[in-house]
Amino acid sequence: MAYPTHRECANFRDGRCLLLGIEVDPDGPACPNFTPRSSITPGAPSPQAELWRIRMEIEEIRRSLSILEARLRRLGG
């Protein structure tokens, strides 16, 4: 039985897993987050990739808030 590979996953692009942000062997076995390329609309991100993007945006907002809160404390607010 053949297993799906990273290359066949909608979350694989340019040698990287978009969900984990790491380089992967295109011919290596896909992870449990495997989403077949055929299951998504061409040009549309997979649901997992979209969720990952949203999580990264939230993390960036948290970092920005932390910096702003520190600045506010220094100003005595």
PDB file of N, CA and C in Angstrom:
ATOM      1  N   MET A   1       0.836  -1.186   0.000  1.00  0.00           N
ATOM      2  CA  MET A   1       0.000   0.000   0.000  1.00  0.00           C
ATOM      3  C   MET A   1       0.880   1.249   0.000  1.00  0.00           C
ATOM      4  N   ALA A   2       0.618   2.154  -0.909  1.00  0.00           N
ATOM      5  CA  ALA A   2       1.392   3.389  -0.998  1.00  0.00           C
ATOM      6  C   ALA A   2       0.808   4.441  -0.052  1.00  0.00           C
ATOM      7  N   TYR A   3       1.675   5.138   0.621  1.00  0.00           N
ATOM      8  CA  TYR A   3       1.255   6.197   1.529  1.00  0.00           C
ATOM      9  C   TYR A   3       1.372   7.538   0.824  1.00  0.00           C
ATOM     10  N   PRO A   4       0.535   8.513   1.198  1.00  0.00           N
ATOM     11  CA  PRO A   4       0.664   9.841   0.585  1.00  0.00           C
ATOM     12  C   PRO A   4       1.991  10.483   0.986  1.00  0.00           C
ATOM     13  N   THR A   5       2.500  11.327   0.112  1.00  0.00           N
ATOM     14  CA  THR A   5       3.768  12.017   0.373  1.00  0.00           C
ATOM     15  C   THR A   5       3.512  13.505   0.569  1.00  0.00           C
ATOM     16  N   HIS A   6       4.538  14.183   1.089  1.00  0.00           N
ATOM     17  CA  HIS A   6       4.440  15.632   1.275  1.00  0.00           C
ATOM     18  C   HIS A   6       4.109  16.320  -0.048  1.00  0.00           C
ATOM     19  N   ARG A   7       4.720  15.850  -1.131  1.00  0.00           N
ATOM     20  CA  ARG A   7       4.531  16.449  -2.447  1.00  0.00           C
ATOM     21  C   ARG A   7       3.053  16.479  -2.854  1.00  0.00           C
ATOM     22  N   GLU A   8       2.278  15.515  -2.392  1.00  0.00           N
ATOM     23  CA  GLU A   8       0.858  15.403  -2.745  1.00  0.00           C
ATOM     24  C   GLU A   8      -0.049  16.220  -1.833  1.00  0.00           C
ATOM     25  N   CYS A   9       0.536  16.871  -0.842  1.00  0.00           N
ATOM     26  CA  CYS A   9      -0.246  17.600   0.155  1.00  0.00           C
ATOM     27  C   CYS A   9      -0.479  19.053  -0.259  1.00  0.00           C
ATOM     28  N   ALA A  10      -1.666  19.541   0.001  1.00  0.00           N
ATOM     29  CA  ALA A  10      -2.017  20.932  -0.301  1.00  0.00           C
ATOM     30  C   ALA A  10      -1.208  21.911   0.545  1.00  0.00           C
ATOM     31  N   ASN A  11      -0.653  21.438   1.652  1.00  0.00           N
ATOM     32  CA  ASN A  11       0.116  22.299   2.562  1.00  0.00           C
ATOM     33  C   ASN A  11       1.611  22.274   2.264  1.00  0.00           C
ATOM     34  N   PHE A  12       2.005  21.680   1.147  1.00  0.00           N
ATOM     35  CA  PHE A  12       3.412  21.596   0.747  1.00  0.00           C
ATOM     36  C   PHE A  12       3.668  22.577  -0.388  1.00  0.00           C
ATOM     37  N   ARG A  13       4.709  23.411  -0.218  1.00  0.00           N
ATOM     38  CA  ARG A  13       5.068  24.353  -1.274  1.00  0.00           C
ATOM     39  C   ARG A  13       6.551  24.665  -1.184  1.00  0.00           C
ATOM     40  N   ASP A  14       7.222  24.588  -2.316  1.00  0.00           N
ATOM     41  CA  ASP A  14       8.643  24.949  -2.412  1.00  0.00           C
ATOM     42  C   ASP A  14       9.508  24.230  -1.381  1.00  0.00           C
ATOM     43  N   GLY A  15       9.236  22.935  -1.166  1.00  0.00           N
ATOM     44  CA  GLY A  15      10.053  22.143  -0.256  1.00  0.00           C
ATOM     45  C   GLY A  15       9.738  22.325   1.217  1.00  0.00           C
ATOM     46  N   ARG A  16       8.674  23.061   1.531  1.00  0.00           N
ATOM     47  CA  ARG A  16       8.339  23.346   2.933  1.00  0.00           C
ATOM     48  C   ARG A  16       6.916  22.941   3.261  1.00  0.00           C
ATOM     49  N   CYS A  17       6.730  22.537   4.502  1.00  0.00           N
ATOM     50  CA  CYS A  17       5.394  22.307   5.042  1.00  0.00           C
ATOM     51  C   CYS A  17       4.897  23.669   5.520  1.00  0.00           C
ATOM     52  N   LEU A  18       3.789  24.129   4.964  1.00  0.00           N
ATOM     53  CA  LEU A  18       3.261  25.444   5.333  1.00  0.00           C
ATOM     54  C   LEU A  18       2.682  25.453   6.743  1.00  0.00           C
ATOM     55  N   LEU A  19       2.248  24.301   7.226  1.00  0.00           N
ATOM     56  CA  LEU A  19       1.676  24.239   8.572  1.00  0.00           C
ATOM     57  C   LEU A  19       2.744  24.323   9.647  1.00  0.00           C
ATOM     58  N   LEU A  20       3.841  23.599   9.430  1.00  0.00           N
ATOM     59  CA  LEU A  20       4.893  23.543  10.441  1.00  0.00           C
ATOM     60  C   LEU A  20       6.020  24.532  10.172  1.00  0.00           C
ATOM     61  N   GLY A  21       6.063  25.070   8.954  1.00  0.00           N
ATOM     62  CA  GLY A  21       7.107  26.030   8.613  1.00  0.00           C
ATOM     63  C   GLY A  21       8.490  25.418   8.538  1.00  0.00           C
ATOM     64  N   ILE A  22       8.571  24.143   8.165  1.00  0.00           N
ATOM     65  CA  ILE A  22       9.861  23.466   8.088  1.00  0.00           C
ATOM     66  C   ILE A  22      10.060  22.844   6.712  1.00  0.00           C
ATOM     67  N   GLU A  23      11.331  22.618   6.352  1.00  0.00           N
ATOM     68  CA  GLU A  23      11.633  21.913   5.117  1.00  0.00           C
ATOM     69  C   GLU A  23      11.342  20.435   5.330  1.00  0.00           C
ATOM     70  N   VAL A  24      10.767  19.815   4.298  1.00  0.00           N
ATOM     71  CA  VAL A  24      10.458  18.387   4.362  1.00  0.00           C
ATOM     72  C   VAL A  24      10.860  17.728   3.052  1.00  0.00           C
ATOM     73  N   ASP A  25      11.117  16.442   3.111  1.00  0.00           N
ATOM     74  CA  ASP A  25      11.434  15.651   1.924  1.00  0.00           C
ATOM     75  C   ASP A  25      10.153  15.495   1.110  1.00  0.00           C
ATOM     76  N   PRO A  26      10.121  16.005  -0.123  1.00  0.00           N
ATOM     77  CA  PRO A  26       8.902  15.934  -0.924  1.00  0.00           C
ATOM     78  C   PRO A  26       8.375  14.506  -1.088  1.00  0.00           C
ATOM     79  N   ASP A  27       9.288  13.535  -1.087  1.00  0.00           N
ATOM     80  CA  ASP A  27       8.882  12.144  -1.283  1.00  0.00           C
ATOM     81  C   ASP A  27       8.707  11.387   0.031  1.00  0.00           C
ATOM     82  N   GLY A  28       8.885  12.094   1.145  1.00  0.00           N
ATOM     83  CA  GLY A  28       8.708  11.472   2.455  1.00  0.00           C
ATOM     84  C   GLY A  28       7.234  11.296   2.780  1.00  0.00           C
ATOM     85  N   PRO A  29       6.927  10.400   3.701  1.00  0.00           N
ATOM     86  CA  PRO A  29       5.528  10.169   4.065  1.00  0.00           C
ATOM     87  C   PRO A  29       4.888  11.413   4.676  1.00  0.00           C
ATOM     88  N   ALA A  30       3.668  11.675   4.264  1.00  0.00           N
ATOM     89  CA  ALA A  30       2.936  12.847   4.751  1.00  0.00           C
ATOM     90  C   ALA A  30       2.575  12.672   6.224  1.00  0.00           C
ATOM     91  N   CYS A  31       2.364  13.804   6.889  1.00  0.00           N
ATOM     92  CA  CYS A  31       2.015  13.787   8.314  1.00  0.00           C
ATOM     93  C   CYS A  31       0.501  13.606   8.491  1.00  0.00           C
ATOM     94  N   PRO A  32       0.030  13.505   9.732  1.00  0.00           N
ATOM     95  CA  PRO A  32      -1.412  13.340   9.984  1.00  0.00           C
ATOM     96  C   PRO A  32      -2.257  14.520   9.497  1.00  0.00           C
ATOM     97  N   ASN A  33      -1.629  15.676   9.243  1.00  0.00           N
ATOM     98  CA  ASN A  33      -2.370  16.838   8.744  1.00  0.00           C
ATOM     99  C   ASN A  33      -2.513  16.833   7.229  1.00  0.00           C
ATOM    100  N   PHE A  34      -2.152  15.735   6.589  1.00  0.00           N
ATOM    101  CA  PHE A  34      -2.192  15.630   5.131  1.00  0.00           C
ATOM    102  C   PHE A  34      -3.555  16.041   4.584  1.00  0.00           C
ATOM    103  N   THR A  35      -3.522  16.936   3.590  1.00  0.00           N
ATOM    104  CA  THR A  35      -4.722  17.365   2.872  1.00  0.00           C
ATOM    105  C   THR A  35      -4.423  17.189   1.392  1.00  0.00           C
ATOM    106  N   PRO A  36      -5.129  16.293   0.716  1.00  0.00           N
ATOM    107  CA  PRO A  36      -4.850  16.081  -0.710  1.00  0.00           C
ATOM    108  C   PRO A  36      -5.034  17.364  -1.508  1.00  0.00           C
ATOM    109  N   ARG A  37      -4.135  17.602  -2.436  1.00  0.00           N
ATOM    110  CA  ARG A  37      -4.244  18.792  -3.290  1.00  0.00           C
ATOM    111  C   ARG A  37      -5.573  18.821  -4.025  1.00  0.00           C
ATOM    112  N   SER A  38      -6.082  17.660  -4.380  1.00  0.00           N
ATOM    113  CA  SER A  38      -7.329  17.590  -5.141  1.00  0.00           C
ATOM    114  C   SER A  38      -8.554  17.990  -4.317  1.00  0.00           C
ATOM    115  N   SER A  39      -8.401  18.111  -3.000  1.00  0.00           N
ATOM    116  CA  SER A  39      -9.550  18.415  -2.139  1.00  0.00           C
ATOM    117  C   SER A  39      -9.797  19.908  -1.959  1.00  0.00           C
ATOM    118  N   ILE A  40      -8.912  20.742  -2.514  1.00  0.00           N
ATOM    119  CA  ILE A  40      -9.103  22.187  -2.346  1.00  0.00           C
ATOM    120  C   ILE A  40      -9.251  22.858  -3.704  1.00  0.00           C
ATOM    121  N   THR A  41      -9.856  24.008  -3.693  1.00  0.00           N
ATOM    122  CA  THR A  41     -10.012  24.802  -4.908  1.00  0.00           C
ATOM    123  C   THR A  41      -8.655  25.371  -5.287  1.00  0.00           C
ATOM    124  N   PRO A  42      -8.268  25.269  -6.561  1.00  0.00           N
ATOM    125  CA  PRO A  42      -6.970  25.819  -6.966  1.00  0.00           C
ATOM    126  C   PRO A  42      -6.843  27.289  -6.556  1.00  0.00           C
ATOM    127  N   GLY A  43      -5.703  27.616  -5.960  1.00  0.00           N
ATOM    128  CA  GLY A  43      -5.445  28.984  -5.528  1.00  0.00           C
ATOM    129  C   GLY A  43      -5.950  29.298  -4.126  1.00  0.00           C
ATOM    130  N   ALA A  44      -6.830  28.453  -3.594  1.00  0.00           N
ATOM    131  CA  ALA A  44      -7.363  28.684  -2.247  1.00  0.00           C
ATOM    132  C   ALA A  44      -6.513  27.927  -1.233  1.00  0.00           C
ATOM    133  N   PRO A  45      -6.220  28.533  -0.082  1.00  0.00           N
ATOM    134  CA  PRO A  45      -5.440  27.819   0.931  1.00  0.00           C
ATOM    135  C   PRO A  45      -6.269  26.699   1.554  1.00  0.00           C
ATOM    136  N   SER A  46      -5.596  25.659   1.997  1.00  0.00           N
ATOM    137  CA  SER A  46      -6.303  24.579   2.679  1.00  0.00           C
ATOM    138  C   SER A  46      -6.817  25.110   4.017  1.00  0.00           C
ATOM    139  N   PRO A  47      -7.823  24.481   4.599  1.00  0.00           N
ATOM    140  CA  PRO A  47      -8.309  24.939   5.906  1.00  0.00           C
ATOM    141  C   PRO A  47      -7.205  24.954   6.961  1.00  0.00           C
ATOM    142  N   GLN A  48      -6.318  23.950   6.934  1.00  0.00           N
ATOM    143  CA  GLN A  48      -5.235  23.906   7.920  1.00  0.00           C
ATOM    144  C   GLN A  48      -4.260  25.067   7.717  1.00  0.00           C
ATOM    145  N   ALA A  49      -3.946  25.368   6.458  1.00  0.00           N
ATOM    146  CA  ALA A  49      -3.027  26.473   6.188  1.00  0.00           C
ATOM    147  C   ALA A  49      -3.648  27.800   6.606  1.00  0.00           C
ATOM    148  N   GLU A  50      -4.934  27.949   6.375  1.00  0.00           N
ATOM    149  CA  GLU A  50      -5.621  29.184   6.777  1.00  0.00           C
ATOM    150  C   GLU A  50      -5.632  29.314   8.299  1.00  0.00           C
ATOM    151  N   LEU A  51      -5.876  28.211   8.998  1.00  0.00           N
ATOM    152  CA  LEU A  51      -5.857  28.224  10.463  1.00  0.00           C
ATOM    153  C   LEU A  51      -4.469  28.589  10.974  1.00  0.00           C
ATOM    154  N   TRP A  52      -3.432  28.013  10.371  1.00  0.00           N
ATOM    155  CA  TRP A  52      -2.062  28.328  10.764  1.00  0.00           C
ATOM    156  C   TRP A  52      -1.787  29.811  10.556  1.00  0.00           C
ATOM    157  N   ARG A  53      -2.212  30.383   9.416  1.00  0.00           N
ATOM    158  CA  ARG A  53      -2.004  31.800   9.129  1.00  0.00           C
ATOM    159  C   ARG A  53      -2.688  32.669  10.186  1.00  0.00           C
ATOM    160  N   ILE A  54      -3.900  32.301  10.551  1.00  0.00           N
ATOM    161  CA  ILE A  54      -4.638  33.065  11.565  1.00  0.00           C
ATOM    162  C   ILE A  54      -3.928  32.980  12.913  1.00  0.00           C
ATOM    163  N   ARG A  55      -3.448  31.805  13.271  1.00  0.00           N
ATOM    164  CA  ARG A  55      -2.719  31.655  14.542  1.00  0.00           C
ATOM    165  C   ARG A  55      -1.465  32.522  14.566  1.00  0.00           C
ATOM    166  N   MET A  56      -0.761  32.585  13.431  1.00  0.00           N
ATOM    167  CA  MET A  56       0.447  33.404  13.360  1.00  0.00           C
ATOM    168  C   MET A  56       0.089  34.893  13.477  1.00  0.00           C
ATOM    169  N   GLU A  57      -1.014  35.308  12.885  1.00  0.00           N
ATOM    170  CA  GLU A  57      -1.450  36.696  13.015  1.00  0.00           C
ATOM    171  C   GLU A  57      -1.789  37.023  14.472  1.00  0.00           C
ATOM    172  N   ILE A  58      -2.475  36.112  15.150  1.00  0.00           N
ATOM    173  CA  ILE A  58      -2.819  36.316  16.559  1.00  0.00           C
ATOM    174  C   ILE A  58      -1.551  36.418  17.400  1.00  0.00           C
ATOM    175  N   GLU A  59      -0.581  35.574  17.115  1.00  0.00           N
ATOM    176  CA  GLU A  59       0.677  35.606  17.864  1.00  0.00           C
ATOM    177  C   GLU A  59       1.399  36.937  17.645  1.00  0.00           C
ATOM    178  N   GLU A  60       1.374  37.440  16.429  1.00  0.00           N
ATOM    179  CA  GLU A  60       1.993  38.736  16.138  1.00  0.00           C
ATOM    180  C   GLU A  60       1.274  39.855  16.887  1.00  0.00           C
ATOM    181  N   ILE A  61      -0.033  39.799  16.959  1.00  0.00           N
ATOM    182  CA  ILE A  61      -0.809  40.795  17.705  1.00  0.00           C
ATOM    183  C   ILE A  61      -0.452  40.732  19.192  1.00  0.00           C
ATOM    184  N   ARG A  62      -0.310  39.528  19.735  1.00  0.00           N
ATOM    185  CA  ARG A  62       0.080  39.378  21.148  1.00  0.00           C
ATOM    186  C   ARG A  62       1.441  40.003  21.415  1.00  0.00           C
ATOM    187  N   ARG A  63       2.393  39.767  20.502  1.00  0.00           N
ATOM    188  CA  ARG A  63       3.732  40.354  20.672  1.00  0.00           C
ATOM    189  C   ARG A  63       3.657  41.879  20.648  1.00  0.00           C
ATOM    190  N   SER A  64       2.881  42.405  19.706  1.00  0.00           N
ATOM    191  CA  SER A  64       2.741  43.862  19.612  1.00  0.00           C
ATOM    192  C   SER A  64       2.106  44.437  20.865  1.00  0.00           C
ATOM    193  N   LEU A  65       1.072  43.776  21.382  1.00  0.00           N
ATOM    194  CA  LEU A  65       0.418  44.244  22.607  1.00  0.00           C
ATOM    195  C   LEU A  65       1.378  44.228  23.787  1.00  0.00           C
ATOM    196  N   SER A  66       2.182  43.192  23.872  1.00  0.00           N
ATOM    197  CA  SER A  66       3.145  43.084  24.962  1.00  0.00           C
ATOM    198  C   SER A  66       4.135  44.247  24.918  1.00  0.00           C
ATOM    199  N   ILE A  67       4.608  44.580  23.732  1.00  0.00           N
ATOM    200  CA  ILE A  67       5.544  45.702  23.575  1.00  0.00           C
ATOM    201  C   ILE A  67       4.863  47.011  23.954  1.00  0.00           C
ATOM    202  N   LEU A  68       3.644  47.211  23.497  1.00  0.00           N
ATOM    203  CA  LEU A  68       2.914  48.440  23.813  1.00  0.00           C
ATOM    204  C   LEU A  68       2.613  48.557  25.300  1.00  0.00           C
ATOM    205  N   GLU A  69       2.265  47.444  25.950  1.00  0.00           N
ATOM    206  CA  GLU A  69       2.015  47.471  27.393  1.00  0.00           C
ATOM    207  C   GLU A  69       3.279  47.843  28.161  1.00  0.00           C
ATOM    208  N   ALA A  70       4.420  47.323  27.736  1.00  0.00           N
ATOM    209  CA  ALA A  70       5.688  47.663  28.398  1.00  0.00           C
ATOM    210  C   ALA A  70       5.989  49.149  28.250  1.00  0.00           C
ATOM    211  N   ARG A  71       5.760  49.691  27.053  1.00  0.00           N
ATOM    212  CA  ARG A  71       5.968  51.126  26.825  1.00  0.00           C
ATOM    213  C   ARG A  71       5.057  51.960  27.703  1.00  0.00           C
ATOM    214  N   LEU A  72       3.814  51.541  27.823  1.00  0.00           N
ATOM    215  CA  LEU A  72       2.848  52.259  28.639  1.00  0.00           C
ATOM    216  C   LEU A  72       3.268  52.237  30.116  1.00  0.00           C
ATOM    217  N   ARG A  73       3.754  51.100  30.608  1.00  0.00           N
ATOM    218  CA  ARG A  73       4.206  51.028  32.008  1.00  0.00           C
ATOM    219  C   ARG A  73       5.393  51.975  32.232  1.00  0.00           C
ATOM    220  N   ARG A  74       6.296  52.043  31.247  1.00  0.00           N
ATOM    221  CA  ARG A  74       7.448  52.952  31.390  1.00  0.00           C
ATOM    222  C   ARG A  74       7.008  54.401  31.445  1.00  0.00           C
ATOM    223  N   LEU A  75       5.912  54.705  30.783  1.00  0.00           N
ATOM    224  CA  LEU A  75       5.402  56.091  30.789  1.00  0.00           C
ATOM    225  C   LEU A  75       4.564  56.381  32.036  1.00  0.00           C
ATOM    226  N   GLY A  76       4.383  55.356  32.859  1.00  0.00           N
ATOM    227  CA  GLY A  76       3.638  55.561  34.107  1.00  0.00           C
ATOM    228  C   GLY A  76       2.143  55.440  33.955  1.00  0.00           C
ATOM    229  N   GLY A  77       1.716  54.784  32.868  1.00  0.00           N
ATOM    230  CA  GLY A  77       0.267  54.658  32.633  1.00  0.00           C
ATOM    231  C   GLY A  77      -0.299  53.486  33.191  1.00  0.00           C
TER     232      GLY A  77
END
